[in-house]
């Protein structure tokens, strides 16, 4: 390894949290309810990893001929927040096998573990509560879309994580996520390494377009890289 990794910034849904793509299924649902037919594949391709109002806007822009996109996106997003809260209240959320032990082993080797997400803070904490994960114990910090000015693909959330963990050099940071936009985010922040994982939103081919340092079948493959 060329550089010492001091911080790993992990995405949540599809990367560390297994919620069965419920967020993107909900995005699809609220767009469809506006009488606009888009597929789950469309949503995953154009919306994965993004702040969710932006995701809805980008799906509408890329996949439809809607002219009043701003108004439709606003209405769909308002409905999305209500629908997602209901879905999460009913959903059994779990993590991927070995994830918590990986966090512990990274921390035992003086590597900080931060989660970041295109979710808002309330939704992200609801997920943590369902998993029994605690900031300062299971993970070192959480950074959400509304903690920063610019969401993905800008690197603001990673830079915020570095600030919280007192990591000075982005070359000592690894960004891990399940979509190409996670990789773009890592590159925007000038991370020393980026890794795509195939447990979530996008395929190997979709992630490869962003040219990550690594593509992983699952997070446990990080052990061979970092430990």
C-alpha atoms as a PDB file:
ATOM      1  CA  UNK A   1       0.000   0.000   0.000  1.00  0.00           C
ATOM      2  CA  UNK A   2       1.424   3.354  -1.037  1.00  0.00           C
ATOM      3  CA  UNK A   3      -0.058   5.366   1.802  1.00  0.00           C
ATOM      4  CA  UNK A   4      -1.358   4.835   5.291  1.00  0.00           C
ATOM      5  CA  UNK A   5      -5.158   5.001   5.446  1.00  0.00           C
ATOM      6  CA  UNK A   6      -6.273   6.917   8.543  1.00  0.00           C
ATOM      7  CA  UNK A   7      -9.976   7.224   7.724  1.00  0.00           C
ATOM      8  CA  UNK A   8     -12.534   5.145   5.844  1.00  0.00           C
ATOM      9  CA  UNK A   9     -15.742   6.942   4.835  1.00  0.00           C
ATOM     10  CA  UNK A  10     -18.485   4.398   4.159  1.00  0.00           C
ATOM     11  CA  UNK A  11     -21.792   5.038   2.420  1.00  0.00           C
ATOM     12  CA  UNK A  12     -24.855   3.716   4.265  1.00  0.00           C
ATOM     13  CA  UNK A  13     -27.646   2.133   2.163  1.00  0.00           C
ATOM     14  CA  UNK A  14     -26.372  -0.729   0.037  1.00  0.00           C
ATOM     15  CA  UNK A  15     -22.863  -0.460   1.462  1.00  0.00           C
ATOM     16  CA  UNK A  16     -23.074  -0.889   5.237  1.00  0.00           C
ATOM     17  CA  UNK A  17     -26.866  -1.011   5.646  1.00  0.00           C
ATOM     18  CA  UNK A  18     -28.944  -3.693   3.916  1.00  0.00           C
ATOM     19  CA  UNK A  19     -32.427  -2.222   3.454  1.00  0.00           C
ATOM     20  CA  UNK A  20     -33.381  -3.970   0.246  1.00  0.00           C
ATOM     21  CA  UNK A  21     -33.219  -0.824  -1.920  1.00  0.00           C
ATOM     22  CA  UNK A  22     -36.333   0.469  -0.157  1.00  0.00           C
ATOM     23  CA  UNK A  23     -35.273   4.099  -0.593  1.00  0.00           C
ATOM     24  CA  UNK A  24     -34.986   3.793  -4.377  1.00  0.00           C
ATOM     25  CA  UNK A  25     -38.183   1.758  -4.596  1.00  0.00           C
ATOM     26  CA  UNK A  26     -39.843   4.630  -2.719  1.00  0.00           C
ATOM     27  CA  UNK A  27     -38.371   7.194  -5.128  1.00  0.00           C
ATOM     28  CA  UNK A  28     -39.798   5.149  -8.001  1.00  0.00           C
ATOM     29  CA  UNK A  29     -43.181   4.890  -6.245  1.00  0.00           C
ATOM     30  CA  UNK A  30     -43.625   8.630  -5.659  1.00  0.00           C
ATOM     31  CA  UNK A  31     -42.636   9.476  -9.240  1.00  0.00           C
ATOM     32  CA  UNK A  32     -45.007   6.825 -10.600  1.00  0.00           C
ATOM     33  CA  UNK A  33     -47.778   8.245  -8.409  1.00  0.00           C
ATOM     34  CA  UNK A  34     -47.419  11.534 -10.323  1.00  0.00           C
ATOM     35  CA  UNK A  35     -48.462   9.595 -13.437  1.00  0.00           C
ATOM     36  CA  UNK A  36     -44.867   9.398 -14.691  1.00  0.00           C
ATOM     37  CA  UNK A  37     -43.611   5.914 -15.401  1.00  0.00           C
ATOM     38  CA  UNK A  38     -39.972   5.250 -14.543  1.00  0.00           C
ATOM     39  CA  UNK A  39     -38.397   1.914 -13.689  1.00  0.00           C
ATOM     40  CA  UNK A  40     -36.360   0.954 -10.627  1.00  0.00           C
ATOM     41  CA  UNK A  41     -33.431   0.506 -13.009  1.00  0.00           C
ATOM     42  CA  UNK A  42     -33.845   4.144 -14.128  1.00  0.00           C
ATOM     43  CA  UNK A  43     -33.853   5.300 -10.515  1.00  0.00           C
ATOM     44  CA  UNK A  44     -30.751   3.280  -9.606  1.00  0.00           C
ATOM     45  CA  UNK A  45     -28.894   4.477 -12.692  1.00  0.00           C
ATOM     46  CA  UNK A  46     -29.594   8.192 -12.298  1.00  0.00           C
ATOM     47  CA  UNK A  47     -30.408   8.620  -8.594  1.00  0.00           C
ATOM     48  CA  UNK A  48     -28.211   6.242  -6.608  1.00  0.00           C
ATOM     49  CA  UNK A  49     -26.187   7.840  -3.840  1.00  0.00           C
ATOM     50  CA  UNK A  50     -27.587  11.345  -4.270  1.00  0.00           C
ATOM     51  CA  UNK A  51     -29.486  13.613  -1.911  1.00  0.00           C
ATOM     52  CA  UNK A  52     -33.017  12.483  -2.538  1.00  0.00           C
ATOM     53  CA  UNK A  53     -34.564  15.681  -3.943  1.00  0.00           C
ATOM     54  CA  UNK A  54     -31.626  15.809  -6.343  1.00  0.00           C
ATOM     55  CA  UNK A  55     -32.128  12.125  -7.149  1.00  0.00           C
ATOM     56  CA  UNK A  56     -35.784  12.707  -8.053  1.00  0.00           C
ATOM     57  CA  UNK A  57     -34.868  15.753 -10.154  1.00  0.00           C
ATOM     58  CA  UNK A  58     -32.131  13.878 -12.017  1.00  0.00           C
ATOM     59  CA  UNK A  59     -34.360  10.866 -12.738  1.00  0.00           C
ATOM     60  CA  UNK A  60     -37.084  13.155 -14.100  1.00  0.00           C
ATOM     61  CA  UNK A  61     -34.536  15.046 -16.221  1.00  0.00           C
ATOM     62  CA  UNK A  62     -32.870  11.952 -17.648  1.00  0.00           C
ATOM     63  CA  UNK A  63     -35.860   9.664 -18.136  1.00  0.00           C
ATOM     64  CA  UNK A  64     -38.936  11.784 -18.840  1.00  0.00           C
ATOM     65  CA  UNK A  65     -40.211  14.629 -20.992  1.00  0.00           C
ATOM     66  CA  UNK A  66     -41.687  16.494 -18.018  1.00  0.00           C
ATOM     67  CA  UNK A  67     -41.460  20.263 -18.560  1.00  0.00           C
ATOM     68  CA  UNK A  68     -42.240  21.537 -15.045  1.00  0.00           C
ATOM     69  CA  UNK A  69     -39.578  19.364 -13.396  1.00  0.00           C
ATOM     70  CA  UNK A  70     -39.081  21.665 -10.404  1.00  0.00           C
ATOM     71  CA  UNK A  71     -42.745  21.552  -9.358  1.00  0.00           C
ATOM     72  CA  UNK A  72     -43.074  17.811  -9.912  1.00  0.00           C
ATOM     73  CA  UNK A  73     -39.834  17.128  -8.028  1.00  0.00           C
ATOM     74  CA  UNK A  74     -40.956  19.271  -5.083  1.00  0.00           C
ATOM     75  CA  UNK A  75     -44.279  17.433  -4.809  1.00  0.00           C
ATOM     76  CA  UNK A  76     -42.722  13.991  -5.261  1.00  0.00           C
ATOM     77  CA  UNK A  77     -40.052  14.748  -2.652  1.00  0.00           C
ATOM     78  CA  UNK A  78     -42.653  15.880  -0.105  1.00  0.00           C
ATOM     79  CA  UNK A  79     -44.509  12.608  -0.685  1.00  0.00           C
ATOM     80  CA  UNK A  80     -41.226  10.694  -0.590  1.00  0.00           C
ATOM     81  CA  UNK A  81     -40.406  11.850   2.942  1.00  0.00           C
ATOM     82  CA  UNK A  82     -43.789  10.664   4.218  1.00  0.00           C
ATOM     83  CA  UNK A  83     -43.635   7.356   2.315  1.00  0.00           C
ATOM     84  CA  UNK A  84     -40.059   6.609   3.375  1.00  0.00           C
ATOM     85  CA  UNK A  85     -40.806   7.235   7.045  1.00  0.00           C
ATOM     86  CA  UNK A  86     -43.713   4.777   6.818  1.00  0.00           C
ATOM     87  CA  UNK A  87     -41.560   2.231   4.977  1.00  0.00           C
ATOM     88  CA  UNK A  88     -38.730   2.490   7.485  1.00  0.00           C
ATOM     89  CA  UNK A  89     -41.076   2.210  10.449  1.00  0.00           C
ATOM     90  CA  UNK A  90     -42.251  -1.129   9.042  1.00  0.00           C
ATOM     91  CA  UNK A  91     -38.921  -2.333   7.653  1.00  0.00           C
ATOM     92  CA  UNK A  92     -36.528  -4.781   9.243  1.00  0.00           C
ATOM     93  CA  UNK A  93     -33.122  -3.194   8.638  1.00  0.00           C
ATOM     94  CA  UNK A  94     -29.931  -5.220   8.938  1.00  0.00           C
ATOM     95  CA  UNK A  95     -26.286  -4.846   8.127  1.00  0.00           C
ATOM     96  CA  UNK A  96     -24.178  -6.975   5.813  1.00  0.00           C
ATOM     97  CA  UNK A  97     -22.394  -9.934   7.360  1.00  0.00           C
ATOM     98  CA  UNK A  98     -19.100  -9.009   8.987  1.00  0.00           C
ATOM     99  CA  UNK A  99     -19.580  -5.227   8.802  1.00  0.00           C
ATOM    100  CA  UNK A 100     -19.586  -4.525  12.540  1.00  0.00           C
ATOM    101  CA  UNK A 101     -16.516  -6.707  13.091  1.00  0.00           C
ATOM    102  CA  UNK A 102     -14.768  -4.881  10.240  1.00  0.00           C
ATOM    103  CA  UNK A 103     -15.509  -1.548  11.935  1.00  0.00           C
ATOM    104  CA  UNK A 104     -14.063  -2.849  15.224  1.00  0.00           C
ATOM    105  CA  UNK A 105     -10.925  -4.158  13.535  1.00  0.00           C
ATOM    106  CA  UNK A 106     -10.340  -0.918  11.651  1.00  0.00           C
ATOM    107  CA  UNK A 107     -10.738   1.091  14.845  1.00  0.00           C
ATOM    108  CA  UNK A 108      -8.389  -1.295  16.685  1.00  0.00           C
ATOM    109  CA  UNK A 109      -5.806  -0.471  14.007  1.00  0.00           C
ATOM    110  CA  UNK A 110      -6.235   3.302  14.516  1.00  0.00           C
ATOM    111  CA  UNK A 111      -8.338   3.730  11.375  1.00  0.00           C
ATOM    112  CA  UNK A 112     -11.344   5.993  11.890  1.00  0.00           C
ATOM    113  CA  UNK A 113     -14.764   4.845  10.633  1.00  0.00           C
ATOM    114  CA  UNK A 114     -17.257   7.455   9.424  1.00  0.00           C
ATOM    115  CA  UNK A 115     -20.605   6.896   7.694  1.00  0.00           C
ATOM    116  CA  UNK A 116     -21.884   9.383   5.131  1.00  0.00           C
ATOM    117  CA  UNK A 117     -25.145   9.415   3.264  1.00  0.00           C
ATOM    118  CA  UNK A 118     -27.472  11.200   0.891  1.00  0.00           C
ATOM    119  CA  UNK A 119     -30.180  10.736   3.548  1.00  0.00           C
ATOM    120  CA  UNK A 120     -31.142  13.579   5.848  1.00  0.00           C
ATOM    121  CA  UNK A 121     -30.025  13.451   9.477  1.00  0.00           C
ATOM    122  CA  UNK A 122     -33.348  12.218  10.886  1.00  0.00           C
ATOM    123  CA  UNK A 123     -33.532   9.272   8.468  1.00  0.00           C
ATOM    124  CA  UNK A 124     -29.875   8.367   8.986  1.00  0.00           C
ATOM    125  CA  UNK A 125     -30.253   8.305  12.771  1.00  0.00           C
ATOM    126  CA  UNK A 126     -33.403   6.214  12.450  1.00  0.00           C
ATOM    127  CA  UNK A 127     -31.338   3.635  10.559  1.00  0.00           C
ATOM    128  CA  UNK A 128     -28.593   3.712  13.186  1.00  0.00           C
ATOM    129  CA  UNK A 129     -31.176   3.202  15.934  1.00  0.00           C
ATOM    130  CA  UNK A 130     -32.681   0.205  14.138  1.00  0.00           C
ATOM    131  CA  UNK A 131     -29.213  -1.346  13.876  1.00  0.00           C
ATOM    132  CA  UNK A 132     -28.254  -0.473  17.434  1.00  0.00           C
ATOM    133  CA  UNK A 133     -25.243   1.487  16.168  1.00  0.00           C
ATOM    134  CA  UNK A 134     -23.973   4.414  18.206  1.00  0.00           C
ATOM    135  CA  UNK A 135     -21.853   7.351  17.097  1.00  0.00           C
ATOM    136  CA  UNK A 136     -18.682   7.338  19.179  1.00  0.00           C
ATOM    137  CA  UNK A 137     -18.896   3.572  19.711  1.00  0.00           C
ATOM    138  CA  UNK A 138     -19.826   1.536  16.621  1.00  0.00           C
ATOM    139  CA  UNK A 139     -18.726   4.352  14.311  1.00  0.00           C
ATOM    140  CA  UNK A 140     -16.647   7.437  14.953  1.00  0.00           C
ATOM    141  CA  UNK A 141     -18.953   9.922  13.210  1.00  0.00           C
ATOM    142  CA  UNK A 142     -21.925  10.353  10.869  1.00  0.00           C
ATOM    143  CA  UNK A 143     -22.132  12.984   8.117  1.00  0.00           C
ATOM    144  CA  UNK A 144     -25.403  13.491   6.236  1.00  0.00           C
ATOM    145  CA  UNK A 145     -26.476  15.476   3.184  1.00  0.00           C
ATOM    146  CA  UNK A 146     -27.836  18.328   5.275  1.00  0.00           C
ATOM    147  CA  UNK A 147     -24.574  18.738   7.217  1.00  0.00           C
ATOM    148  CA  UNK A 148     -22.916  20.289   4.152  1.00  0.00           C
ATOM    149  CA  UNK A 149     -23.649  22.781   1.389  1.00  0.00           C
ATOM    150  CA  UNK A 150     -23.007  20.489  -1.577  1.00  0.00           C
ATOM    151  CA  UNK A 151     -24.033  16.841  -1.819  1.00  0.00           C
ATOM    152  CA  UNK A 152     -22.454  14.162  -4.003  1.00  0.00           C
ATOM    153  CA  UNK A 153     -20.646  14.149  -6.374  1.00  0.00           C
ATOM    154  CA  UNK A 154     -18.974  17.077  -4.577  1.00  0.00           C
ATOM    155  CA  UNK A 155     -16.621  16.000  -1.816  1.00  0.00           C
ATOM    156  CA  UNK A 156     -18.025  18.196   0.977  1.00  0.00           C
ATOM    157  CA  UNK A 157     -19.221  15.305   3.171  1.00  0.00           C
ATOM    158  CA  UNK A 158     -15.805  13.643   3.055  1.00  0.00           C
ATOM    159  CA  UNK A 159     -14.061  16.919   3.842  1.00  0.00           C
ATOM    160  CA  UNK A 160     -16.457  17.331   6.793  1.00  0.00           C
ATOM    161  CA  UNK A 161     -15.579  13.806   7.981  1.00  0.00           C
ATOM    162  CA  UNK A 162     -11.881  14.649   7.749  1.00  0.00           C
ATOM    163  CA  UNK A 163     -12.454  17.801   9.781  1.00  0.00           C
ATOM    164  CA  UNK A 164     -14.340  15.864  12.476  1.00  0.00           C
ATOM    165  CA  UNK A 165     -11.601  13.209  12.667  1.00  0.00           C
ATOM    166  CA  UNK A 166      -8.679  15.689  12.422  1.00  0.00           C
ATOM    167  CA  UNK A 167      -7.339  13.984   9.296  1.00  0.00           C
ATOM    168  CA  UNK A 168      -5.331  16.511   7.293  1.00  0.00           C
ATOM    169  CA  UNK A 169      -4.365  14.683   4.093  1.00  0.00           C
ATOM    170  CA  UNK A 170      -7.134  13.312   1.820  1.00  0.00           C
ATOM    171  CA  UNK A 171      -4.576  10.883   0.394  1.00  0.00           C
ATOM    172  CA  UNK A 172      -4.945   9.051   3.709  1.00  0.00           C
ATOM    173  CA  UNK A 173      -8.692   8.594   3.188  1.00  0.00           C
ATOM    174  CA  UNK A 174     -10.566   5.703   1.542  1.00  0.00           C
ATOM    175  CA  UNK A 175     -14.116   6.274   0.316  1.00  0.00           C
ATOM    176  CA  UNK A 176     -16.338   3.193  -0.063  1.00  0.00           C
ATOM    177  CA  UNK A 177     -19.791   3.070  -1.675  1.00  0.00           C
ATOM    178  CA  UNK A 178     -22.143   1.056  -3.860  1.00  0.00           C
ATOM    179  CA  UNK A 179     -22.558   3.538  -6.720  1.00  0.00           C
ATOM    180  CA  UNK A 180     -20.448   5.477  -9.201  1.00  0.00           C
ATOM    181  CA  UNK A 181     -21.361   8.763  -7.524  1.00  0.00           C
ATOM    182  CA  UNK A 182     -19.668   7.546  -4.322  1.00  0.00           C
ATOM    183  CA  UNK A 183     -16.476   7.089  -6.319  1.00  0.00           C
ATOM    184  CA  UNK A 184     -16.881  10.511  -7.934  1.00  0.00           C
ATOM    185  CA  UNK A 185     -17.364  11.978  -4.451  1.00  0.00           C
ATOM    186  CA  UNK A 186     -14.115  10.366  -3.293  1.00  0.00           C
ATOM    187  CA  UNK A 187     -12.259  11.749  -6.280  1.00  0.00           C
ATOM    188  CA  UNK A 188     -13.758  15.217  -5.736  1.00  0.00           C
ATOM    189  CA  UNK A 189     -12.295  15.138  -2.216  1.00  0.00           C
ATOM    190  CA  UNK A 190      -8.959  13.879  -3.616  1.00  0.00           C
ATOM    191  CA  UNK A 191      -9.108  10.652  -1.598  1.00  0.00           C
ATOM    192  CA  UNK A 192      -6.066   8.411  -1.862  1.00  0.00           C
ATOM    193  CA  UNK A 193      -8.278   5.384  -2.539  1.00  0.00           C
ATOM    194  CA  UNK A 194     -11.845   4.696  -3.651  1.00  0.00           C
ATOM    195  CA  UNK A 195     -13.691   1.382  -3.580  1.00  0.00           C
ATOM    196  CA  UNK A 196     -17.012   0.304  -5.057  1.00  0.00           C
ATOM    197  CA  UNK A 197     -18.897  -2.568  -3.438  1.00  0.00           C
ATOM    198  CA  UNK A 198     -21.390  -4.774  -5.301  1.00  0.00           C
ATOM    199  CA  UNK A 199     -23.908  -5.260  -2.474  1.00  0.00           C
ATOM    200  CA  UNK A 200     -26.160  -2.333  -3.340  1.00  0.00           C
ATOM    201  CA  UNK A 201     -27.536  -0.059  -5.997  1.00  0.00           C
ATOM    202  CA  UNK A 202     -25.301  -0.481  -9.028  1.00  0.00           C
ATOM    203  CA  UNK A 203     -23.574  -3.133 -11.095  1.00  0.00           C
ATOM    204  CA  UNK A 204     -19.864  -3.662 -11.612  1.00  0.00           C
ATOM    205  CA  UNK A 205     -20.146  -2.058 -15.060  1.00  0.00           C
ATOM    206  CA  UNK A 206     -21.902   1.039 -13.717  1.00  0.00           C
ATOM    207  CA  UNK A 207     -19.395   1.497 -10.884  1.00  0.00           C
ATOM    208  CA  UNK A 208     -16.411   0.823 -13.147  1.00  0.00           C
ATOM    209  CA  UNK A 209     -17.315   3.881 -15.242  1.00  0.00           C
ATOM    210  CA  UNK A 210     -16.104   6.023 -12.330  1.00  0.00           C
ATOM    211  CA  UNK A 211     -12.764   4.143 -12.291  1.00  0.00           C
ATOM    212  CA  UNK A 212     -12.422   3.237  -8.593  1.00  0.00           C
ATOM    213  CA  UNK A 213      -9.182   1.934  -7.117  1.00  0.00           C
ATOM    214  CA  UNK A 214     -10.974  -1.307  -6.186  1.00  0.00           C
ATOM    215  CA  UNK A 215     -14.284  -3.042  -6.839  1.00  0.00           C
ATOM    216  CA  UNK A 216     -15.280  -5.396  -4.002  1.00  0.00           C
ATOM    217  CA  UNK A 217     -17.807  -8.216  -3.874  1.00  0.00           C
ATOM    218  CA  UNK A 218     -18.381  -7.305  -0.203  1.00  0.00           C
ATOM    219  CA  UNK A 219     -16.848  -5.157   2.524  1.00  0.00           C
ATOM    220  CA  UNK A 220     -14.915  -8.041   4.065  1.00  0.00           C
ATOM    221  CA  UNK A 221     -12.488  -7.804   1.122  1.00  0.00           C
ATOM    222  CA  UNK A 222     -11.233  -4.563   2.669  1.00  0.00           C
ATOM    223  CA  UNK A 223      -9.329  -6.611   5.246  1.00  0.00           C
ATOM    224  CA  UNK A 224      -6.781  -7.729   2.686  1.00  0.00           C
ATOM    225  CA  UNK A 225      -6.324  -4.127   1.558  1.00  0.00           C
ATOM    226  CA  UNK A 226      -6.209  -2.304   4.886  1.00  0.00           C
ATOM    227  CA  UNK A 227      -5.311  -4.895   7.529  1.00  0.00           C
END
